[in-house]
Amino acid sequence: MMNLPKTVIEIKDLKKSYGANHVLNGFDMHLVEGENLVIMGKSGSGKSVMIKCLIGLEKPDSGVIMVMEKDISTLEREELDELRTEVGFLFQGSALYDSMTVRENLEFPLRRHTKKFGIIKDTTPLVMEALENVGLTHTLNLMPEELSGGMKRRIALARTLILQPKIILYDEPTTGLDPITAKEIILLMKSIQKKYNTSSIIITHDVDCARAISNKMILLVDGVNYAEGTFEELNTSKDPKIQAFFK
């Protein structure tokens, strides 16, 4: 009997409102090991709210969120922080610390999460491995202001990778980048998935990114999982609401 891929994230009937604004209305999804899941939705459709609920920054009104078989609503603060070391998050704006060098930016999570690796006297091997993964070993002592937009995105990804997460959440990874740099970031994401067998959720408006990176897609409409399938399955749908995403 063939072994089915392990589910690493499962969300059931997630609901979240802000007053009369019902953002999530029973959202469902699951992510399996080694999968790239793209989630697309219009601005204000609830993508960012869902991600915040997923990593425990927002508390949903109702629903269940299981991350690596743990119900995050039952976790104590310390347990949630420990789980977050297994979930890397690449921010849309890269979110590098301007006052720190590239080395110091990458060392920061290692010094903050000592429970996972212990106290590391020499961080150089881990820092250099992370930079090698993104092809930027020569930037070790540069400041963020000396980096291009694409380089900043790569360094942010290196900082995410340094904790060796099992899951990576990408928030609009190609937004604001020129087409050539965007393609480079997509290729980098694919190589990281292949090398580390990471499971990823990619929030994007970029149809080219979705086509290139996704194993599966979800279209978030009116706060629910309106449609789910491969890029080709959704792209060839006759449903007007689905077609709107691909025009």
Protein backbone atom coordinates (compact mmCIF):
# COMPACT_ATOMS: atom_id res chain seq x y z
CA MET A 1 0.00 0.00 0.00
CA MET A 2 1.34 3.43 -0.98
CA ASN A 3 2.11 5.77 1.92
CA LEU A 4 0.15 9.02 1.67
CA PRO A 5 2.01 12.30 2.32
CA LYS A 6 1.79 13.51 5.90
CA THR A 7 -0.48 16.51 6.56
CA VAL A 8 1.56 19.28 8.21
CA ILE A 9 -1.13 22.00 8.37
CA GLU A 10 -4.89 21.56 8.57
CA ILE A 11 -7.43 24.35 8.96
CA LYS A 12 -11.10 23.56 9.53
CA ASP A 13 -14.04 25.98 9.43
CA LEU A 14 -11.92 29.04 10.32
CA LYS A 15 -13.97 32.15 11.07
CA LYS A 16 -12.77 35.66 11.90
CA SER A 17 -14.70 38.93 11.97
CA TYR A 18 -13.90 42.51 12.89
CA GLY A 19 -17.21 43.95 13.96
CA ALA A 20 -19.57 43.68 10.98
CA ASN A 21 -16.69 42.81 8.63
CA HIS A 22 -16.75 39.01 8.22
CA VAL A 23 -13.29 38.27 6.79
CA LEU A 24 -13.13 34.48 7.10
CA ASN A 25 -16.41 32.60 6.87
CA GLY A 26 -15.45 28.97 7.37
CA PHE A 27 -12.13 28.62 5.56
CA ASP A 28 -10.71 25.10 5.12
CA MET A 29 -7.34 23.92 3.81
CA HIS A 30 -4.65 21.32 4.30
CA LEU A 31 -0.97 21.29 3.40
CA VAL A 32 0.99 18.07 3.00
CA GLU A 33 4.68 17.40 3.45
CA GLY A 34 6.85 18.60 0.56
CA GLU A 35 4.02 20.53 -1.13
CA ASN A 36 3.94 24.09 -2.48
CA LEU A 37 0.43 25.43 -1.93
CA VAL A 38 -0.43 28.77 -3.54
CA ILE A 39 -3.30 30.79 -2.09
CA MET A 40 -4.73 33.56 -4.25
CA GLY A 41 -7.39 36.08 -3.33
CA LYS A 42 -8.30 39.70 -3.98
CA SER A 43 -7.02 42.41 -1.64
CA GLY A 44 -8.99 42.23 1.59
CA SER A 45 -10.11 38.66 0.96
CA GLY A 46 -8.59 37.40 4.21
CA LYS A 47 -5.25 35.92 3.10
CA SER A 48 -3.16 37.90 5.60
CA VAL A 49 -5.69 37.34 8.39
CA MET A 50 -5.58 33.59 7.76
CA ILE A 51 -1.76 33.60 7.97
CA LYS A 52 -1.84 35.64 11.20
CA CYS A 53 -4.29 33.15 12.71
CA LEU A 54 -2.09 30.29 11.51
CA ILE A 55 1.01 31.54 13.34
CA GLY A 56 -0.92 32.67 16.41
CA LEU A 57 -0.71 36.45 15.92
CA GLU A 58 -4.51 36.68 15.65
CA LYS A 59 -7.08 34.64 17.54
CA PRO A 60 -9.88 33.27 15.33
CA ASP A 61 -13.50 33.51 16.42
CA SER A 62 -13.91 29.78 15.81
CA GLY A 63 -12.41 26.88 13.89
CA VAL A 64 -9.45 24.54 14.30
CA ILE A 65 -5.84 25.11 13.24
CA MET A 66 -3.53 22.11 13.41
CA VAL A 67 0.19 22.67 12.74
CA MET A 68 2.33 19.53 12.71
CA GLU A 69 -0.48 17.70 14.51
CA LYS A 70 -0.70 20.32 17.27
CA ASP A 71 -3.84 22.37 17.91
CA ILE A 72 -2.35 25.86 18.28
CA SER A 73 -5.31 27.08 20.36
CA THR A 74 -4.26 24.72 23.17
CA LEU A 75 -0.59 25.71 23.25
CA GLU A 76 1.02 27.75 26.00
CA ARG A 77 3.14 30.74 24.96
CA GLU A 78 6.41 28.80 25.26
CA GLU A 79 5.01 25.87 23.26
CA LEU A 80 3.78 28.23 20.53
CA ASP A 81 7.20 29.93 20.33
CA GLU A 82 8.84 26.51 20.01
CA LEU A 83 6.46 25.52 17.20
CA ARG A 84 7.19 28.80 15.38
CA THR A 85 10.83 27.75 15.01
CA GLU A 86 9.54 25.04 12.66
CA VAL A 87 7.58 27.59 10.60
CA GLY A 88 9.62 30.11 8.62
CA PHE A 89 7.95 33.32 7.45
CA LEU A 90 9.20 35.41 4.54
CA PHE A 91 7.73 38.89 4.87
CA GLN A 92 6.68 40.84 1.77
CA GLY A 93 9.01 43.72 2.64
CA SER A 94 11.89 41.41 3.64
CA ALA A 95 11.89 43.03 7.14
CA LEU A 96 15.66 43.09 7.59
CA TYR A 97 17.05 45.05 10.52
CA ASP A 98 18.56 48.20 8.97
CA SER A 99 21.07 48.71 11.78
CA MET A 100 22.51 45.18 11.46
CA THR A 101 24.88 43.69 8.91
CA VAL A 102 23.79 40.67 6.87
CA ARG A 103 25.71 38.43 9.30
CA GLU A 104 23.99 40.00 12.31
CA ASN A 105 20.56 39.70 10.65
CA LEU A 106 21.13 35.98 10.16
CA GLU A 107 22.57 35.48 13.65
CA PHE A 108 19.57 37.13 15.30
CA PRO A 109 17.16 34.14 15.13
CA LEU A 110 19.94 31.79 16.26
CA ARG A 111 20.52 33.87 19.37
CA ARG A 112 16.77 34.25 20.02
CA HIS A 113 15.88 30.57 19.70
CA THR A 114 18.62 28.92 21.73
CA LYS A 115 16.32 26.05 22.76
CA LYS A 116 16.44 24.58 19.25
CA PHE A 117 20.20 24.70 18.66
CA GLY A 118 21.57 25.51 22.10
CA ILE A 119 24.04 28.37 22.59
CA ILE A 120 26.24 28.45 19.49
CA LYS A 121 29.74 29.81 20.08
CA ASP A 122 30.59 30.03 16.37
CA THR A 123 27.63 30.87 14.14
CA THR A 124 29.78 31.22 11.01
CA PRO A 125 29.11 27.73 9.52
CA LEU A 126 25.33 28.12 9.80
CA VAL A 127 25.40 31.70 8.51
CA MET A 128 27.57 30.79 5.53
CA GLU A 129 25.44 27.73 4.69
CA ALA A 130 22.31 29.92 4.68
CA LEU A 131 23.99 32.50 2.46
CA GLU A 132 25.30 29.79 0.15
CA ASN A 133 21.74 28.50 -0.25
CA VAL A 134 20.71 31.87 -1.70
CA GLY A 135 23.94 32.54 -3.61
CA LEU A 136 25.05 35.58 -1.58
CA THR A 137 28.07 34.57 0.51
CA HIS A 138 29.85 37.76 -0.57
CA THR A 139 27.28 39.96 1.23
CA LEU A 140 28.27 38.75 4.72
CA ASN A 141 29.41 42.13 6.06
CA LEU A 142 27.17 44.41 3.99
CA MET A 143 24.37 46.55 5.41
CA PRO A 144 20.79 46.20 4.08
CA GLU A 145 21.01 49.64 2.45
CA GLU A 146 23.80 48.27 0.24
CA LEU A 147 21.57 45.50 -1.15
CA SER A 148 19.16 45.57 -4.10
CA GLY A 149 15.51 44.62 -3.61
CA GLY A 150 16.11 41.13 -4.93
CA MET A 151 19.16 40.66 -2.71
CA LYS A 152 17.19 41.76 0.34
CA ARG A 153 14.53 39.17 -0.48
CA ARG A 154 17.24 36.50 -0.75
CA ILE A 155 18.84 37.50 2.56
CA ALA A 156 15.42 37.44 4.23
CA LEU A 157 14.97 33.92 2.86
CA ALA A 158 18.43 32.94 4.17
CA ARG A 159 17.40 34.23 7.61
CA THR A 160 14.25 32.12 7.39
CA LEU A 161 16.24 29.04 6.37
CA ILE A 162 18.84 29.34 9.12
CA LEU A 163 16.45 27.82 11.68
CA GLN A 164 15.89 24.88 9.31
CA PRO A 165 12.07 25.14 9.35
CA LYS A 166 9.86 22.33 8.10
CA ILE A 167 7.26 24.80 6.80
CA ILE A 168 7.80 28.15 5.03
CA LEU A 169 5.12 30.82 4.59
CA TYR A 170 5.82 33.22 1.71
CA ASP A 171 3.94 36.53 1.64
CA GLU A 172 3.95 37.91 -1.93
CA PRO A 173 7.55 36.74 -2.62
CA THR A 174 7.79 38.36 -6.08
CA THR A 175 5.92 41.62 -5.43
CA GLY A 176 7.92 44.73 -6.33
CA LEU A 177 10.61 42.81 -8.19
CA ASP A 178 11.46 43.10 -11.87
CA PRO A 179 10.52 40.04 -14.01
CA ILE A 180 14.07 38.64 -14.16
CA THR A 181 14.61 38.90 -10.39
CA ALA A 182 11.14 37.46 -9.76
CA LYS A 183 12.05 34.40 -11.85
CA GLU A 184 15.28 34.02 -9.87
CA ILE A 185 13.34 34.07 -6.58
CA ILE A 186 10.92 31.44 -7.92
CA LEU A 187 13.80 29.19 -8.98
CA LEU A 188 15.35 29.66 -5.54
CA MET A 189 12.09 28.68 -3.82
CA LYS A 190 11.89 25.54 -5.96
CA SER A 191 15.50 24.57 -5.23
CA ILE A 192 14.94 25.02 -1.47
CA GLN A 193 11.83 22.82 -1.61
CA LYS A 194 13.83 20.14 -3.44
CA LYS A 195 16.87 20.35 -1.15
CA TYR A 196 15.07 20.43 2.21
CA ASN A 197 11.66 18.91 1.33
CA THR A 198 9.98 21.95 2.87
CA SER A 199 6.23 22.40 2.82
CA SER A 200 5.22 25.91 1.74
CA ILE A 201 2.23 28.21 1.60
CA ILE A 202 2.70 30.99 -0.94
CA ILE A 203 0.40 34.02 -0.83
CA THR A 204 0.59 35.75 -4.20
CA HIS A 205 -1.23 37.81 -6.83
CA ASP A 206 1.38 36.83 -9.43
CA VAL A 207 -0.16 34.34 -11.89
CA ASP A 208 3.27 33.52 -13.37
CA CYS A 209 4.58 32.74 -9.89
CA ALA A 210 1.56 30.55 -9.18
CA ARG A 211 2.02 28.66 -12.45
CA ALA A 212 5.73 28.06 -11.82
CA ILE A 213 5.73 27.17 -8.12
CA SER A 214 2.41 25.57 -7.19
CA ASN A 215 1.69 21.89 -6.72
CA LYS A 216 -1.81 22.90 -5.63
CA MET A 217 -3.80 26.14 -5.52
CA ILE A 218 -6.62 27.54 -3.42
CA LEU A 219 -8.74 30.50 -4.46
CA LEU A 220 -10.00 32.46 -1.46
CA VAL A 221 -13.33 34.14 -2.25
CA ASP A 222 -15.79 35.62 0.24
CA GLY A 223 -13.82 34.20 3.15
CA VAL A 224 -13.97 30.56 2.06
CA ASN A 225 -11.97 28.05 0.04
CA TYR A 226 -13.96 28.68 -3.13
CA ALA A 227 -11.91 26.45 -5.44
CA GLU A 228 -8.96 24.08 -5.09
CA GLY A 229 -6.87 22.19 -7.62
CA THR A 230 -3.80 22.35 -9.82
CA PHE A 231 -3.00 25.49 -11.81
CA GLU A 232 -4.20 23.87 -15.04
CA GLU A 233 -7.44 22.62 -13.48
CA LEU A 234 -8.34 26.08 -12.21
CA ASN A 235 -7.02 27.94 -15.25
CA THR A 236 -9.32 25.96 -17.56
CA SER A 237 -12.42 26.30 -15.37
CA LYS A 238 -15.51 27.92 -16.91
CA ASP A 239 -16.58 29.43 -13.57
CA PRO A 240 -16.50 33.26 -13.96
CA LYS A 241 -15.27 33.75 -10.38
CA ILE A 242 -12.36 31.42 -11.06
CA GLN A 243 -11.63 32.84 -14.51
CA ALA A 244 -11.27 36.33 -12.96
CA PHE A 245 -8.03 35.23 -11.27
CA PHE A 246 -6.35 34.27 -14.53
CA LYS A 247 -7.23 37.18 -16.81
